[in-house]
Amino acid sequence: AFTEDDVEVLRTCACISKLPPDSLGAYVISMCQQASDVLAVVLLQREASVGGSNSKPMRVVPLFEKLDDLQRSPSVMEALYTNAVYNGYIGTNFARSQEVMVGYSDSGKDAGRLAAAWGLYEGQEKLAKVSKAHGVKLTLFHGRGGTVGRGGGPAHLAILSQPPETVDGRLRLTIQGEVIEQDFGSTELAFRTFDMYTTAVLEHTLAPPRQPKAKWREVMDTLSE
């Protein structure tokens, strides 16, 4: 028998199927831990007829938040990319593109700021590597907040500090809370913010940062334990 939560999810998917195709962008799976979490959403959309003959289903975006989940994320995506159903799903509907969201707030609370920052760095490196190996165009979606503990700080420097080959001309991030007014409170502020993001993405893509030296990695591994 279905629980109340089950019924709510099924009704939500049925409602989504009746909306115009461009009404919603992505289905973000909070606290994603395994490949079946993503496949379940793909199945739900299919059963609810989300993305009929004249439209596409919603993009399914796993969100890896805690440190263990970030460390496990490359193997989760590897399992998805080697799954025949999912491989066909992203190939048919999204030209072999995949979004993956990484969380800053929960990972920081879970492991501490330093360990979380290093876990995010290494996780993104490995996600980019496994996606490239399977011919998938990866877009990393950063769930940053306004405070330092939630990944906040100077946006230009934050983008430039991302691992090499993880930006590659595209980036997605959250703008929330007080940051909305701060960055988009007027037309001039909005244009300045877009200029800053565009400049940083171009700079990272055309002149990517150096790979960390092996010794630096050893130090970070020790400090984050």
C-alpha atoms as a PDB file:
ATOM      1  CA  ALA A   1       0.000   0.000   0.000  1.00  0.00           C
ATOM      2  CA  PHE A   2       1.132   3.552  -0.687  1.00  0.00           C
ATOM      3  CA  THR A   3       1.965   5.871   2.196  1.00  0.00           C
ATOM      4  CA  GLU A   4       0.842   9.497   2.294  1.00  0.00           C
ATOM      5  CA  ASP A   5       4.299  10.558   1.137  1.00  0.00           C
ATOM      6  CA  ASP A   6       4.131   8.125  -1.796  1.00  0.00           C
ATOM      7  CA  VAL A   7       0.760   9.487  -2.858  1.00  0.00           C
ATOM      8  CA  GLU A   8       2.018  13.061  -2.630  1.00  0.00           C
ATOM      9  CA  VAL A   9       4.997  12.282  -4.891  1.00  0.00           C
ATOM     10  CA  LEU A  10       2.781  10.526  -7.453  1.00  0.00           C
ATOM     11  CA  ARG A  11       0.321  13.421  -7.469  1.00  0.00           C
ATOM     12  CA  THR A  12       3.166  15.903  -7.881  1.00  0.00           C
ATOM     13  CA  CYS A  13       4.487  14.028 -10.926  1.00  0.00           C
ATOM     14  CA  ALA A  14       0.985  13.824 -12.379  1.00  0.00           C
ATOM     15  CA  CYS A  15       0.635  17.594 -11.922  1.00  0.00           C
ATOM     16  CA  ILE A  16       4.003  18.229 -13.578  1.00  0.00           C
ATOM     17  CA  SER A  17       2.942  16.176 -16.597  1.00  0.00           C
ATOM     18  CA  LYS A  18       0.095  18.646 -17.237  1.00  0.00           C
ATOM     19  CA  LEU A  19       2.291  21.741 -17.212  1.00  0.00           C
ATOM     20  CA  PRO A  20       3.846  23.341 -20.332  1.00  0.00           C
ATOM     21  CA  PRO A  21       7.239  21.747 -21.149  1.00  0.00           C
ATOM     22  CA  ASP A  22       9.334  24.766 -20.104  1.00  0.00           C
ATOM     23  CA  SER A  23       7.557  25.417 -16.808  1.00  0.00           C
ATOM     24  CA  LEU A  24      10.164  23.626 -14.688  1.00  0.00           C
ATOM     25  CA  GLY A  25      13.855  23.082 -15.321  1.00  0.00           C
ATOM     26  CA  ALA A  26      15.357  20.349 -13.191  1.00  0.00           C
ATOM     27  CA  TYR A  27      14.328  17.797 -10.580  1.00  0.00           C
ATOM     28  CA  VAL A  28      16.997  18.106  -7.867  1.00  0.00           C
ATOM     29  CA  ILE A  29      17.377  15.042  -5.633  1.00  0.00           C
ATOM     30  CA  SER A  30      18.433  16.223  -2.188  1.00  0.00           C
ATOM     31  CA  MET A  31      20.700  13.911  -0.180  1.00  0.00           C
ATOM     32  CA  CYS A  32      21.311  11.646  -3.179  1.00  0.00           C
ATOM     33  CA  GLN A  33      23.348   8.634  -2.083  1.00  0.00           C
ATOM     34  CA  GLN A  34      23.073   5.991  -4.794  1.00  0.00           C
ATOM     35  CA  ALA A  35      22.266   5.477  -8.460  1.00  0.00           C
ATOM     36  CA  SER A  36      18.798   4.109  -7.693  1.00  0.00           C
ATOM     37  CA  ASP A  37      17.800   7.516  -6.274  1.00  0.00           C
ATOM     38  CA  VAL A  38      18.240   8.986  -9.761  1.00  0.00           C
ATOM     39  CA  LEU A  39      16.733   6.038 -11.626  1.00  0.00           C
ATOM     40  CA  ALA A  40      13.630   6.206  -9.420  1.00  0.00           C
ATOM     41  CA  VAL A  41      12.961   9.781 -10.567  1.00  0.00           C
ATOM     42  CA  VAL A  42      13.487   8.810 -14.201  1.00  0.00           C
ATOM     43  CA  LEU A  43      10.922   6.009 -13.706  1.00  0.00           C
ATOM     44  CA  LEU A  44       8.455   8.306 -11.926  1.00  0.00           C
ATOM     45  CA  GLN A  45       8.584  10.796 -14.785  1.00  0.00           C
ATOM     46  CA  ARG A  46       8.027   8.070 -17.345  1.00  0.00           C
ATOM     47  CA  GLU A  47       5.092   6.557 -15.470  1.00  0.00           C
ATOM     48  CA  ALA A  48       3.514   9.984 -15.015  1.00  0.00           C
ATOM     49  CA  SER A  49       4.079  10.841 -18.694  1.00  0.00           C
ATOM     50  CA  VAL A  50       6.336  13.791 -17.867  1.00  0.00           C
ATOM     51  CA  GLY A  51       7.886  14.619 -21.199  1.00  0.00           C
ATOM     52  CA  GLY A  52       5.464  13.303 -23.793  1.00  0.00           C
ATOM     53  CA  SER A  53       5.931  13.055 -27.527  1.00  0.00           C
ATOM     54  CA  ASN A  54       6.267  16.826 -27.946  1.00  0.00           C
ATOM     55  CA  SER A  55       8.470  17.634 -24.949  1.00  0.00           C
ATOM     56  CA  LYS A  56      11.374  16.431 -22.870  1.00  0.00           C
ATOM     57  CA  PRO A  57      11.307  15.147 -19.295  1.00  0.00           C
ATOM     58  CA  MET A  58      12.802  17.283 -16.556  1.00  0.00           C
ATOM     59  CA  ARG A  59      16.542  17.099 -16.065  1.00  0.00           C
ATOM     60  CA  VAL A  60      17.374  14.869 -13.102  1.00  0.00           C
ATOM     61  CA  VAL A  61      20.074  16.438 -10.934  1.00  0.00           C
ATOM     62  CA  PRO A  62      21.579  14.465  -8.046  1.00  0.00           C
ATOM     63  CA  LEU A  63      22.614  16.657  -5.104  1.00  0.00           C
ATOM     64  CA  PHE A  64      25.541  15.332  -3.082  1.00  0.00           C
ATOM     65  CA  GLU A  65      25.635  17.178   0.229  1.00  0.00           C
ATOM     66  CA  LYS A  66      27.457  15.375   3.032  1.00  0.00           C
ATOM     67  CA  LEU A  67      31.135  14.454   2.881  1.00  0.00           C
ATOM     68  CA  ASP A  68      30.533  10.712   2.474  1.00  0.00           C
ATOM     69  CA  ASP A  69      28.114  11.410  -0.365  1.00  0.00           C
ATOM     70  CA  LEU A  70      30.606  13.714  -2.088  1.00  0.00           C
ATOM     71  CA  GLN A  71      33.293  11.049  -1.833  1.00  0.00           C
ATOM     72  CA  ARG A  72      30.896   8.447  -3.214  1.00  0.00           C
ATOM     73  CA  SER A  73      29.513  10.665  -5.994  1.00  0.00           C
ATOM     74  CA  PRO A  74      31.971   9.593  -8.740  1.00  0.00           C
ATOM     75  CA  SER A  75      31.062   5.924  -8.284  1.00  0.00           C
ATOM     76  CA  VAL A  76      27.345   6.819  -8.294  1.00  0.00           C
ATOM     77  CA  MET A  77      27.713   8.651 -11.606  1.00  0.00           C
ATOM     78  CA  GLU A  78      29.855   5.829 -12.995  1.00  0.00           C
ATOM     79  CA  ALA A  79      27.029   3.413 -12.209  1.00  0.00           C
ATOM     80  CA  LEU A  80      24.537   5.687 -13.977  1.00  0.00           C
ATOM     81  CA  TYR A  81      26.686   6.242 -17.052  1.00  0.00           C
ATOM     82  CA  THR A  82      27.166   2.488 -17.461  1.00  0.00           C
ATOM     83  CA  ASN A  83      23.464   1.775 -17.011  1.00  0.00           C
ATOM     84  CA  ALA A  84      21.931   1.151 -20.437  1.00  0.00           C
ATOM     85  CA  VAL A  85      18.585   2.766 -19.551  1.00  0.00           C
ATOM     86  CA  TYR A  86      20.107   5.928 -18.110  1.00  0.00           C
ATOM     87  CA  ASN A  87      22.715   6.139 -20.841  1.00  0.00           C
ATOM     88  CA  GLY A  88      19.925   6.124 -23.407  1.00  0.00           C
ATOM     89  CA  TYR A  89      17.900   8.600 -21.328  1.00  0.00           C
ATOM     90  CA  ILE A  90      20.554  11.336 -21.310  1.00  0.00           C
ATOM     91  CA  GLY A  91      21.540  10.570 -24.891  1.00  0.00           C
ATOM     92  CA  THR A  92      18.017  10.844 -26.280  1.00  0.00           C
ATOM     93  CA  ASN A  93      16.781  13.770 -24.202  1.00  0.00           C
ATOM     94  CA  PHE A  94      19.798  15.852 -23.239  1.00  0.00           C
ATOM     95  CA  ALA A  95      22.523  15.310 -25.876  1.00  0.00           C
ATOM     96  CA  ARG A  96      24.656  13.424 -23.332  1.00  0.00           C
ATOM     97  CA  SER A  97      24.682  16.287 -20.850  1.00  0.00           C
ATOM     98  CA  GLN A  98      24.414  15.874 -17.091  1.00  0.00           C
ATOM     99  CA  GLU A  99      24.080  18.281 -14.181  1.00  0.00           C
ATOM    100  CA  VAL A 100      25.417  17.361 -10.758  1.00  0.00           C
ATOM    101  CA  MET A 101      24.814  19.579  -7.738  1.00  0.00           C
ATOM    102  CA  VAL A 102      27.274  19.828  -4.856  1.00  0.00           C
ATOM    103  CA  GLY A 103      26.250  21.193  -1.462  1.00  0.00           C
ATOM    104  CA  TYR A 104      28.299  23.486   0.748  1.00  0.00           C
ATOM    105  CA  SER A 105      26.191  24.029   3.851  1.00  0.00           C
ATOM    106  CA  ASP A 106      25.520  20.414   4.875  1.00  0.00           C
ATOM    107  CA  SER A 107      29.023  19.243   4.009  1.00  0.00           C
ATOM    108  CA  GLY A 108      30.461  22.036   6.147  1.00  0.00           C
ATOM    109  CA  LYS A 109      28.249  21.128   9.103  1.00  0.00           C
ATOM    110  CA  ASP A 110      28.967  17.437   8.587  1.00  0.00           C
ATOM    111  CA  ALA A 111      32.755  17.499   8.292  1.00  0.00           C
ATOM    112  CA  GLY A 112      33.950  21.015   9.131  1.00  0.00           C
ATOM    113  CA  ARG A 113      34.812  23.770   6.676  1.00  0.00           C
ATOM    114  CA  LEU A 114      38.320  22.630   5.733  1.00  0.00           C
ATOM    115  CA  ALA A 115      37.465  18.942   5.252  1.00  0.00           C
ATOM    116  CA  ALA A 116      34.312  19.913   3.347  1.00  0.00           C
ATOM    117  CA  ALA A 117      36.184  22.302   1.051  1.00  0.00           C
ATOM    118  CA  TRP A 118      38.777  19.656   0.227  1.00  0.00           C
ATOM    119  CA  GLY A 119      36.073  17.017  -0.229  1.00  0.00           C
ATOM    120  CA  LEU A 120      34.249  19.332  -2.642  1.00  0.00           C
ATOM    121  CA  TYR A 121      37.453  19.962  -4.572  1.00  0.00           C
ATOM    122  CA  GLU A 122      38.371  16.296  -4.952  1.00  0.00           C
ATOM    123  CA  GLY A 123      34.777  15.265  -5.625  1.00  0.00           C
ATOM    124  CA  GLN A 124      34.482  17.730  -8.496  1.00  0.00           C
ATOM    125  CA  GLU A 125      37.783  16.566  -9.965  1.00  0.00           C
ATOM    126  CA  LYS A 126      36.639  12.958  -9.999  1.00  0.00           C
ATOM    127  CA  LEU A 127      33.148  13.798 -11.292  1.00  0.00           C
ATOM    128  CA  ALA A 128      34.686  15.660 -14.234  1.00  0.00           C
ATOM    129  CA  LYS A 129      37.053  12.780 -14.925  1.00  0.00           C
ATOM    130  CA  VAL A 130      34.388  10.050 -14.919  1.00  0.00           C
ATOM    131  CA  SER A 131      32.023  12.167 -17.040  1.00  0.00           C
ATOM    132  CA  LYS A 132      34.733  12.846 -19.601  1.00  0.00           C
ATOM    133  CA  ALA A 133      35.619   9.146 -19.735  1.00  0.00           C
ATOM    134  CA  HIS A 134      32.022   8.347 -20.723  1.00  0.00           C
ATOM    135  CA  GLY A 135      31.650  11.209 -23.182  1.00  0.00           C
ATOM    136  CA  VAL A 136      29.194  13.120 -20.984  1.00  0.00           C
ATOM    137  CA  LYS A 137      29.188  16.924 -20.858  1.00  0.00           C
ATOM    138  CA  LEU A 138      29.105  17.739 -17.146  1.00  0.00           C
ATOM    139  CA  THR A 139      27.725  20.930 -15.620  1.00  0.00           C
ATOM    140  CA  LEU A 140      28.463  21.349 -11.931  1.00  0.00           C
ATOM    141  CA  PHE A 141      25.709  23.087  -9.983  1.00  0.00           C
ATOM    142  CA  HIS A 142      26.981  24.819  -6.852  1.00  0.00           C
ATOM    143  CA  GLY A 143      24.573  25.116  -3.945  1.00  0.00           C
ATOM    144  CA  ARG A 144      26.260  28.141  -2.362  1.00  0.00           C
ATOM    145  CA  GLY A 145      24.752  30.495   0.195  1.00  0.00           C
ATOM    146  CA  GLY A 146      25.668  33.983   1.351  1.00  0.00           C
ATOM    147  CA  THR A 147      27.755  33.145   4.426  1.00  0.00           C
ATOM    148  CA  VAL A 148      31.236  31.625   4.366  1.00  0.00           C
ATOM    149  CA  GLY A 149      29.912  28.504   6.091  1.00  0.00           C
ATOM    150  CA  ARG A 150      27.520  27.986   3.185  1.00  0.00           C
ATOM    151  CA  GLY A 151      30.141  28.508   0.489  1.00  0.00           C
ATOM    152  CA  GLY A 152      29.740  32.279   0.278  1.00  0.00           C
ATOM    153  CA  GLY A 153      32.466  34.782  -0.442  1.00  0.00           C
ATOM    154  CA  PRO A 154      33.806  36.662  -3.478  1.00  0.00           C
ATOM    155  CA  ALA A 155      32.150  34.930  -6.447  1.00  0.00           C
ATOM    156  CA  HIS A 156      34.936  35.712  -8.935  1.00  0.00           C
ATOM    157  CA  LEU A 157      37.607  34.132  -6.732  1.00  0.00           C
ATOM    158  CA  ALA A 158      35.331  31.205  -5.870  1.00  0.00           C
ATOM    159  CA  ILE A 159      34.909  30.327  -9.551  1.00  0.00           C
ATOM    160  CA  LEU A 160      38.617  30.710 -10.294  1.00  0.00           C
ATOM    161  CA  SER A 161      39.441  28.379  -7.390  1.00  0.00           C
ATOM    162  CA  GLN A 162      37.477  25.473  -8.862  1.00  0.00           C
ATOM    163  CA  PRO A 163      39.541  22.465 -10.000  1.00  0.00           C
ATOM    164  CA  PRO A 164      40.919  22.465 -13.557  1.00  0.00           C
ATOM    165  CA  GLU A 165      38.534  21.105 -16.245  1.00  0.00           C
ATOM    166  CA  THR A 166      35.463  21.409 -13.995  1.00  0.00           C
ATOM    167  CA  VAL A 167      34.098  24.667 -15.420  1.00  0.00           C
ATOM    168  CA  ASP A 168      34.834  24.320 -19.152  1.00  0.00           C
ATOM    169  CA  GLY A 169      32.640  27.210 -20.270  1.00  0.00           C
ATOM    170  CA  ARG A 170      29.600  26.474 -18.119  1.00  0.00           C
ATOM    171  CA  LEU A 171      28.572  26.760 -14.495  1.00  0.00           C
ATOM    172  CA  ARG A 172      25.380  26.821 -12.490  1.00  0.00           C
ATOM    173  CA  LEU A 173      24.891  28.091  -8.948  1.00  0.00           C
ATOM    174  CA  THR A 174      22.222  29.142  -6.518  1.00  0.00           C
ATOM    175  CA  ILE A 175      21.511  32.769  -5.645  1.00  0.00           C
ATOM    176  CA  GLN A 176      19.507  32.945  -2.447  1.00  0.00           C
ATOM    177  CA  GLY A 177      18.695  34.872   0.688  1.00  0.00           C
ATOM    178  CA  GLU A 178      20.309  38.246   1.209  1.00  0.00           C
ATOM    179  CA  VAL A 179      22.573  37.688  -1.799  1.00  0.00           C
ATOM    180  CA  ILE A 180      19.661  38.262  -4.191  1.00  0.00           C
ATOM    181  CA  GLU A 181      19.261  41.885  -3.092  1.00  0.00           C
ATOM    182  CA  GLN A 182      23.007  42.356  -2.802  1.00  0.00           C
ATOM    183  CA  ASP A 183      23.786  41.134  -6.332  1.00  0.00           C
ATOM    184  CA  PHE A 184      20.566  41.832  -8.247  1.00  0.00           C
ATOM    185  CA  GLY A 185      18.892  44.663  -6.347  1.00  0.00           C
ATOM    186  CA  SER A 186      19.152  47.064  -9.276  1.00  0.00           C
ATOM    187  CA  THR A 187      19.799  46.925 -13.006  1.00  0.00           C
ATOM    188  CA  GLU A 188      23.369  48.147 -12.533  1.00  0.00           C
ATOM    189  CA  LEU A 189      24.092  45.568  -9.836  1.00  0.00           C
ATOM    190  CA  ALA A 190      22.609  42.772 -11.945  1.00  0.00           C
ATOM    191  CA  PHE A 191      24.763  43.662 -14.972  1.00  0.00           C
ATOM    192  CA  ARG A 192      27.857  43.917 -12.764  1.00  0.00           C
ATOM    193  CA  THR A 193      27.125  40.492 -11.264  1.00  0.00           C
ATOM    194  CA  PHE A 194      26.613  38.877 -14.670  1.00  0.00           C
ATOM    195  CA  ASP A 195      29.833  40.508 -15.919  1.00  0.00           C
ATOM    196  CA  MET A 196      31.708  39.109 -12.929  1.00  0.00           C
ATOM    197  CA  TYR A 197      30.393  35.574 -13.394  1.00  0.00           C
ATOM    198  CA  THR A 198      30.973  35.620 -17.153  1.00  0.00           C
ATOM    199  CA  THR A 199      34.515  36.933 -16.764  1.00  0.00           C
ATOM    200  CA  ALA A 200      35.403  34.312 -14.151  1.00  0.00           C
ATOM    201  CA  VAL A 201      33.981  31.425 -16.205  1.00  0.00           C
ATOM    202  CA  LEU A 202      35.856  32.576 -19.320  1.00  0.00           C
ATOM    203  CA  GLU A 203      39.085  33.077 -17.379  1.00  0.00           C
ATOM    204  CA  HIS A 204      38.868  29.648 -15.745  1.00  0.00           C
ATOM    205  CA  THR A 205      38.102  27.999 -19.095  1.00  0.00           C
ATOM    206  CA  LEU A 206      40.789  29.756 -21.154  1.00  0.00           C
ATOM    207  CA  ALA A 207      43.484  29.875 -18.468  1.00  0.00           C
ATOM    208  CA  PRO A 208      42.638  27.097 -15.995  1.00  0.00           C
ATOM    209  CA  PRO A 209      44.411  26.945 -12.638  1.00  0.00           C
ATOM    210  CA  ARG A 210      47.345  24.626 -12.089  1.00  0.00           C
ATOM    211  CA  GLN A 211      46.862  21.128 -10.753  1.00  0.00           C
ATOM    212  CA  PRO A 212      47.783  20.887  -7.059  1.00  0.00           C
ATOM    213  CA  LYS A 213      51.192  19.343  -6.442  1.00  0.00           C
ATOM    214  CA  ALA A 214      51.298  15.884  -4.890  1.00  0.00           C
ATOM    215  CA  LYS A 215      52.817  17.359  -1.724  1.00  0.00           C
ATOM    216  CA  TRP A 216      49.971  19.854  -1.428  1.00  0.00           C
ATOM    217  CA  ARG A 217      47.465  17.028  -1.706  1.00  0.00           C
ATOM    218  CA  GLU A 218      49.204  15.130   1.082  1.00  0.00           C
ATOM    219  CA  VAL A 219      49.038  18.186   3.331  1.00  0.00           C
ATOM    220  CA  MET A 220      45.342  18.728   2.619  1.00  0.00           C
ATOM    221  CA  ASP A 221      44.584  15.050   3.223  1.00  0.00           C
ATOM    222  CA  THR A 222      46.305  15.280   6.610  1.00  0.00           C
ATOM    223  CA  LEU A 223      44.663  18.557   7.634  1.00  0.00           C
ATOM    224  CA  SER A 224      41.190  17.385   6.651  1.00  0.00           C
ATOM    225  CA  GLU A 225      41.339  14.113   8.598  1.00  0.00           C
END
